Amino acid sequence: MATIRLIFKALLALLMVTAGIGHFLNPDFFLKIMPPYLPFHRELVYLSGLFEIALGISLLIPKQSQLAAWGIIALLIAVFPANIYLYQHQEIVPASPSVHFIRLILQAVLIFWAHCYTKKRTP
């Protein structure tokens, strides 16, 4: 069971790092989904990408793993308004409404997934 847990932790870390890199490789996508009421769009896109990369890497460092998992949860909650904005303005990224809804649900799944690593496990 510990091996499966480690594999899923590594997958979450990889997902976070990959998503974070995406903020730098394709910032225009993330800029489009930023709610207009937030300031400093470009800076927030890069900052959230930086945090995704840092938290993903930190999740794999045993002494930082729990804190990183809580950080991932906080980050996912912080970026949730962008996903809601995208759902409300589906013309930004043309797709079926169900695809946009699944994106919202996926956010909850990621939060649950990260929460699995917030508790210290004893061998």
N, C-alpha and C. Protein backbone atom coordinates (compact mmCIF):
# COMPACT_ATOMS: atom_id res chain seq x y z
N MET A 1 0.82 -1.20 0.00
CA MET A 1 0.00 0.00 0.00
C MET A 1 0.86 1.26 0.00
N ALA A 2 1.99 1.21 0.69
CA ALA A 2 2.87 2.37 0.75
C ALA A 2 3.42 2.72 -0.64
N THR A 3 3.67 1.71 -1.45
CA THR A 3 4.18 1.96 -2.80
C THR A 3 3.14 2.66 -3.66
N ILE A 4 1.89 2.22 -3.56
CA ILE A 4 0.81 2.85 -4.33
C ILE A 4 0.64 4.30 -3.88
N ARG A 5 0.69 4.51 -2.58
CA ARG A 5 0.57 5.87 -2.03
C ARG A 5 1.68 6.77 -2.56
N LEU A 6 2.89 6.25 -2.61
CA LEU A 6 4.03 7.01 -3.13
C LEU A 6 3.88 7.31 -4.61
N ILE A 7 3.39 6.35 -5.36
CA ILE A 7 3.17 6.55 -6.80
C ILE A 7 2.14 7.65 -7.03
N PHE A 8 1.04 7.61 -6.28
CA PHE A 8 0.02 8.65 -6.43
C PHE A 8 0.51 10.01 -5.97
N LYS A 9 1.36 10.04 -4.97
CA LYS A 9 1.95 11.30 -4.53
C LYS A 9 2.84 11.87 -5.63
N ALA A 10 3.63 11.00 -6.24
CA ALA A 10 4.50 11.44 -7.34
C ALA A 10 3.67 11.92 -8.53
N LEU A 11 2.55 11.27 -8.80
CA LEU A 11 1.67 11.70 -9.90
C LEU A 11 1.08 13.09 -9.62
N LEU A 12 0.65 13.32 -8.38
CA LEU A 12 0.13 14.63 -8.01
C LEU A 12 1.22 15.68 -8.15
N ALA A 13 2.41 15.36 -7.69
CA ALA A 13 3.54 16.29 -7.81
C ALA A 13 3.82 16.60 -9.27
N LEU A 14 3.84 15.59 -10.11
CA LEU A 14 4.08 15.78 -11.54
C LEU A 14 2.99 16.63 -12.17
N LEU A 15 1.75 16.38 -11.79
CA LEU A 15 0.63 17.17 -12.30
C LEU A 15 0.78 18.64 -11.91
N MET A 16 1.15 18.89 -10.67
CA MET A 16 1.32 20.27 -10.20
C MET A 16 2.47 20.96 -10.94
N VAL A 17 3.58 20.29 -11.07
CA VAL A 17 4.75 20.88 -11.74
C VAL A 17 4.43 21.14 -13.21
N THR A 18 3.78 20.18 -13.86
CA THR A 18 3.42 20.34 -15.27
C THR A 18 2.46 21.51 -15.46
N ALA A 19 1.46 21.59 -14.59
CA ALA A 19 0.50 22.71 -14.67
C ALA A 19 1.23 24.03 -14.43
N GLY A 20 2.13 24.04 -13.48
CA GLY A 20 2.90 25.26 -13.20
C GLY A 20 3.74 25.70 -14.38
N ILE A 21 4.39 24.77 -15.02
CA ILE A 21 5.19 25.09 -16.21
C ILE A 21 4.29 25.65 -17.30
N GLY A 22 3.07 25.11 -17.40
CA GLY A 22 2.11 25.61 -18.38
C GLY A 22 1.81 27.09 -18.22
N HIS A 23 1.88 27.59 -17.00
CA HIS A 23 1.64 29.02 -16.77
C HIS A 23 2.71 29.88 -17.45
N PHE A 24 3.90 29.33 -17.59
CA PHE A 24 5.00 30.08 -18.22
C PHE A 24 5.05 29.84 -19.73
N LEU A 25 4.68 28.64 -20.16
CA LEU A 25 4.71 28.33 -21.59
C LEU A 25 3.51 28.87 -22.35
N ASN A 26 2.36 28.96 -21.67
CA ASN A 26 1.14 29.42 -22.32
C ASN A 26 0.37 30.36 -21.39
N PRO A 27 0.96 31.48 -21.01
CA PRO A 27 0.28 32.38 -20.08
C PRO A 27 -1.01 32.96 -20.64
N ASP A 28 -1.12 33.07 -21.96
CA ASP A 28 -2.32 33.67 -22.55
C ASP A 28 -3.58 32.88 -22.19
N PHE A 29 -3.49 31.56 -22.13
CA PHE A 29 -4.65 30.76 -21.74
C PHE A 29 -5.11 31.16 -20.34
N PHE A 30 -4.17 31.24 -19.42
CA PHE A 30 -4.51 31.54 -18.04
C PHE A 30 -4.97 32.99 -17.88
N LEU A 31 -4.41 33.88 -18.69
CA LEU A 31 -4.84 35.28 -18.65
C LEU A 31 -6.30 35.41 -19.08
N LYS A 32 -6.71 34.59 -20.05
CA LYS A 32 -8.10 34.65 -20.54
C LYS A 32 -9.11 34.25 -19.47
N ILE A 33 -8.72 33.37 -18.56
CA ILE A 33 -9.68 32.88 -17.58
C ILE A 33 -9.61 33.62 -16.25
N MET A 34 -8.80 34.65 -16.19
CA MET A 34 -8.71 35.45 -14.97
C MET A 34 -9.96 36.31 -14.83
N PRO A 35 -10.63 36.24 -13.68
CA PRO A 35 -11.79 37.12 -13.47
C PRO A 35 -11.35 38.59 -13.52
N PRO A 36 -12.13 39.44 -14.16
CA PRO A 36 -11.73 40.83 -14.32
C PRO A 36 -11.58 41.60 -13.02
N TYR A 37 -12.21 41.13 -11.94
CA TYR A 37 -12.11 41.86 -10.67
C TYR A 37 -10.77 41.66 -9.97
N LEU A 38 -9.96 40.71 -10.44
CA LEU A 38 -8.64 40.51 -9.85
C LEU A 38 -7.63 41.44 -10.51
N PRO A 39 -6.73 42.02 -9.72
CA PRO A 39 -5.70 42.89 -10.30
C PRO A 39 -4.49 42.07 -10.75
N PHE A 40 -3.60 42.71 -11.46
CA PHE A 40 -2.29 42.13 -11.79
C PHE A 40 -2.39 40.74 -12.42
N HIS A 41 -3.15 40.63 -13.47
CA HIS A 41 -3.40 39.32 -14.08
C HIS A 41 -2.12 38.57 -14.43
N ARG A 42 -1.25 39.19 -15.18
CA ARG A 42 -0.03 38.49 -15.61
C ARG A 42 0.80 38.05 -14.41
N GLU A 43 0.94 38.93 -13.45
CA GLU A 43 1.73 38.60 -12.27
C GLU A 43 1.12 37.43 -11.50
N LEU A 44 -0.21 37.42 -11.39
CA LEU A 44 -0.88 36.32 -10.68
C LEU A 44 -0.74 35.00 -11.44
N VAL A 45 -0.78 35.06 -12.75
CA VAL A 45 -0.59 33.83 -13.55
C VAL A 45 0.80 33.27 -13.29
N TYR A 46 1.81 34.11 -13.35
CA TYR A 46 3.18 33.63 -13.11
C TYR A 46 3.38 33.19 -11.66
N LEU A 47 2.81 33.93 -10.73
CA LEU A 47 2.96 33.59 -9.32
C LEU A 47 2.29 32.25 -9.00
N SER A 48 1.09 32.04 -9.53
CA SER A 48 0.42 30.76 -9.28
C SER A 48 1.19 29.61 -9.94
N GLY A 49 1.75 29.87 -11.12
CA GLY A 49 2.58 28.84 -11.76
C GLY A 49 3.81 28.51 -10.94
N LEU A 50 4.45 29.54 -10.40
CA LEU A 50 5.62 29.34 -9.55
C LEU A 50 5.26 28.53 -8.31
N PHE A 51 4.13 28.86 -7.69
CA PHE A 51 3.68 28.11 -6.52
C PHE A 51 3.34 26.67 -6.87
N GLU A 52 2.74 26.44 -8.01
CA GLU A 52 2.42 25.07 -8.41
C GLU A 52 3.70 24.24 -8.56
N ILE A 53 4.70 24.82 -9.18
CA ILE A 53 5.98 24.12 -9.35
C ILE A 53 6.63 23.85 -7.99
N ALA A 54 6.72 24.88 -7.16
CA ALA A 54 7.37 24.75 -5.86
C ALA A 54 6.64 23.75 -4.96
N LEU A 55 5.32 23.83 -4.94
CA LEU A 55 4.55 22.91 -4.08
C LEU A 55 4.62 21.48 -4.60
N GLY A 56 4.60 21.31 -5.93
CA GLY A 56 4.73 19.98 -6.49
C GLY A 56 6.06 19.33 -6.12
N ILE A 57 7.13 20.09 -6.23
CA ILE A 57 8.45 19.57 -5.84
C ILE A 57 8.50 19.31 -4.34
N SER A 58 7.99 20.24 -3.55
CA SER A 58 8.01 20.11 -2.09
C SER A 58 7.21 18.91 -1.60
N LEU A 59 6.20 18.53 -2.35
CA LEU A 59 5.39 17.37 -1.97
C LEU A 59 6.24 16.10 -1.92
N LEU A 60 7.30 16.06 -2.70
CA LEU A 60 8.16 14.87 -2.76
C LEU A 60 9.27 14.89 -1.72
N ILE A 61 9.40 15.97 -0.98
CA ILE A 61 10.43 16.08 0.06
C ILE A 61 9.77 15.72 1.39
N PRO A 62 10.15 14.59 1.98
CA PRO A 62 9.45 14.10 3.16
C PRO A 62 9.21 15.14 4.26
N LYS A 63 10.21 15.94 4.59
CA LYS A 63 10.05 16.91 5.67
C LYS A 63 9.11 18.06 5.30
N GLN A 64 8.87 18.25 4.01
CA GLN A 64 8.01 19.35 3.56
C GLN A 64 6.67 18.88 3.00
N SER A 65 6.50 17.58 2.91
CA SER A 65 5.35 17.00 2.22
C SER A 65 4.00 17.44 2.79
N GLN A 66 3.84 17.37 4.11
CA GLN A 66 2.56 17.74 4.72
C GLN A 66 2.23 19.20 4.46
N LEU A 67 3.18 20.07 4.68
CA LEU A 67 2.96 21.50 4.46
C LEU A 67 2.69 21.77 2.98
N ALA A 68 3.39 21.07 2.11
CA ALA A 68 3.17 21.23 0.67
C ALA A 68 1.75 20.82 0.29
N ALA A 69 1.26 19.73 0.89
CA ALA A 69 -0.10 19.27 0.60
C ALA A 69 -1.11 20.33 1.03
N TRP A 70 -0.92 20.93 2.19
CA TRP A 70 -1.81 22.01 2.61
C TRP A 70 -1.68 23.21 1.68
N GLY A 71 -0.47 23.48 1.22
CA GLY A 71 -0.25 24.57 0.27
C GLY A 71 -0.97 24.32 -1.05
N ILE A 72 -0.95 23.09 -1.51
CA ILE A 72 -1.65 22.74 -2.75
C ILE A 72 -3.15 22.96 -2.57
N ILE A 73 -3.67 22.55 -1.43
CA ILE A 73 -5.10 22.76 -1.15
C ILE A 73 -5.42 24.25 -1.18
N ALA A 74 -4.61 25.05 -0.50
CA ALA A 74 -4.83 26.50 -0.47
C ALA A 74 -4.75 27.10 -1.87
N LEU A 75 -3.79 26.65 -2.65
CA LEU A 75 -3.64 27.17 -4.01
C LEU A 75 -4.84 26.79 -4.88
N LEU A 76 -5.28 25.56 -4.77
CA LEU A 76 -6.44 25.12 -5.55
C LEU A 76 -7.70 25.91 -5.19
N ILE A 77 -7.83 26.24 -3.93
CA ILE A 77 -8.96 27.07 -3.51
C ILE A 77 -8.79 28.49 -4.05
N ALA A 78 -7.56 28.99 -4.01
CA ALA A 78 -7.30 30.36 -4.47
C ALA A 78 -7.55 30.53 -5.97
N VAL A 79 -7.29 29.51 -6.76
CA VAL A 79 -7.49 29.64 -8.21
C VAL A 79 -8.89 29.21 -8.65
N PHE A 80 -9.69 28.74 -7.72
CA PHE A 80 -11.04 28.28 -8.06
C PHE A 80 -11.89 29.37 -8.72
N PRO A 81 -11.77 30.64 -8.31
CA PRO A 81 -12.56 31.68 -8.99
C PRO A 81 -12.30 31.74 -10.50
N ALA A 82 -11.08 31.44 -10.93
CA ALA A 82 -10.80 31.43 -12.37
C ALA A 82 -11.58 30.31 -13.06
N ASN A 83 -11.70 29.17 -12.40
CA ASN A 83 -12.47 28.07 -12.98
C ASN A 83 -13.96 28.38 -13.00
N ILE A 84 -14.44 29.05 -11.98
CA ILE A 84 -15.84 29.48 -11.96
C ILE A 84 -16.09 30.50 -13.07
N TYR A 85 -15.15 31.43 -13.22
CA TYR A 85 -15.28 32.45 -14.27
C TYR A 85 -15.32 31.79 -15.64
N LEU A 86 -14.47 30.80 -15.86
CA LEU A 86 -14.47 30.07 -17.13
C LEU A 86 -15.80 29.35 -17.34
N TYR A 87 -16.34 28.77 -16.28
CA TYR A 87 -17.63 28.09 -16.40
C TYR A 87 -18.74 29.09 -16.76
N GLN A 88 -18.66 30.27 -16.19
CA GLN A 88 -19.68 31.29 -16.45
C GLN A 88 -19.52 31.92 -17.84
N HIS A 89 -18.32 31.85 -18.39
CA HIS A 89 -18.02 32.45 -19.70
C HIS A 89 -17.39 31.39 -20.60
N GLN A 90 -18.18 30.40 -20.96
CA GLN A 90 -17.67 29.25 -21.68
C GLN A 90 -17.19 29.57 -23.09
N GLU A 91 -17.53 30.74 -23.58
CA GLU A 91 -17.05 31.14 -24.90
C GLU A 91 -15.54 31.37 -24.91
N ILE A 92 -14.95 31.56 -23.72
CA ILE A 92 -13.50 31.77 -23.63
C ILE A 92 -12.75 30.55 -24.16
N VAL A 93 -13.18 29.39 -23.74
CA VAL A 93 -12.60 28.12 -24.20
C VAL A 93 -13.77 27.28 -24.70
N PRO A 94 -14.03 27.32 -26.00
CA PRO A 94 -15.18 26.59 -26.53
C PRO A 94 -15.10 25.08 -26.25
N ALA A 95 -16.08 24.63 -25.51
CA ALA A 95 -16.24 23.21 -25.20
C ALA A 95 -17.67 23.04 -24.70
N SER A 96 -18.07 21.81 -24.57
CA SER A 96 -19.44 21.58 -24.09
C SER A 96 -19.54 22.00 -22.62
N PRO A 97 -20.72 22.37 -22.18
CA PRO A 97 -20.91 22.74 -20.77
C PRO A 97 -20.48 21.63 -19.82
N SER A 98 -20.66 20.38 -20.22
CA SER A 98 -20.26 19.28 -19.34
C SER A 98 -18.74 19.25 -19.14
N VAL A 99 -17.98 19.60 -20.16
CA VAL A 99 -16.52 19.65 -20.03
C VAL A 99 -16.13 20.72 -19.02
N HIS A 100 -16.78 21.87 -19.10
CA HIS A 100 -16.49 22.94 -18.15
C HIS A 100 -16.92 22.57 -16.73
N PHE A 101 -18.02 21.84 -16.62
CA PHE A 101 -18.47 21.41 -15.30
C PHE A 101 -17.50 20.38 -14.72
N ILE A 102 -17.03 19.46 -15.54
CA ILE A 102 -16.07 18.45 -15.09
C ILE A 102 -14.80 19.13 -14.58
N ARG A 103 -14.43 20.23 -15.21
CA ARG A 103 -13.25 20.98 -14.75
C ARG A 103 -13.45 21.48 -13.31
N LEU A 104 -14.66 21.91 -12.99
CA LEU A 104 -14.96 22.34 -11.62
C LEU A 104 -14.89 21.17 -10.65
N ILE A 105 -15.45 20.04 -11.05
CA ILE A 105 -15.43 18.84 -10.20
C ILE A 105 -13.99 18.35 -10.00
N LEU A 106 -13.21 18.43 -11.06
CA LEU A 106 -11.82 17.99 -10.97
C LEU A 106 -11.07 18.77 -9.89
N GLN A 107 -11.41 20.03 -9.73
CA GLN A 107 -10.77 20.85 -8.69
C GLN A 107 -11.02 20.23 -7.31
N ALA A 108 -12.24 19.78 -7.06
CA ALA A 108 -12.56 19.13 -5.78
C ALA A 108 -11.80 17.82 -5.63
N VAL A 109 -11.68 17.08 -6.71
CA VAL A 109 -10.93 15.82 -6.68
C VAL A 109 -9.47 16.08 -6.33
N LEU A 110 -8.89 17.12 -6.94
CA LEU A 110 -7.50 17.46 -6.65
C LEU A 110 -7.31 17.88 -5.19
N ILE A 111 -8.28 18.61 -4.66
CA ILE A 111 -8.21 19.01 -3.25
C ILE A 111 -8.25 17.77 -2.35
N PHE A 112 -9.15 16.86 -2.64
CA PHE A 112 -9.22 15.61 -1.87
C PHE A 112 -7.92 14.83 -1.99
N TRP A 113 -7.39 14.76 -3.20
CA TRP A 113 -6.14 14.03 -3.46
C TRP A 113 -5.01 14.63 -2.63
N ALA A 114 -4.88 15.94 -2.65
CA ALA A 114 -3.83 16.59 -1.86
C ALA A 114 -4.06 16.36 -0.36
N HIS A 115 -5.32 16.36 0.05
CA HIS A 115 -5.62 16.17 1.47
C HIS A 115 -5.13 14.81 1.97
N CYS A 116 -5.07 13.85 1.10
CA CYS A 116 -4.57 12.52 1.48
C CYS A 116 -3.13 12.57 2.00
N TYR A 117 -2.42 13.63 1.71
CA TYR A 117 -1.00 13.74 2.10
C TYR A 117 -0.77 14.77 3.20
N THR A 118 -1.85 15.21 3.87
CA THR A 118 -1.71 16.21 4.93
C THR A 118 -1.43 15.58 6.29
N LYS A 119 -1.57 14.30 6.39
CA LYS A 119 -1.36 13.61 7.67
C LYS A 119 -0.06 12.84 7.63
N LYS A 120 0.63 12.88 8.73
CA LYS A 120 1.88 12.14 8.82
C LYS A 120 1.57 10.65 8.92
N ARG A 121 2.20 9.87 8.10
CA ARG A 121 2.02 8.42 8.10
C ARG A 121 3.21 7.76 8.78
N THR A 122 2.94 6.85 9.68
CA THR A 122 4.03 6.11 10.29
C THR A 122 4.14 4.76 9.58
N PRO A 123 5.35 4.32 9.36
CA PRO A 123 5.54 3.05 8.64
C PRO A 123 5.03 1.85 9.40
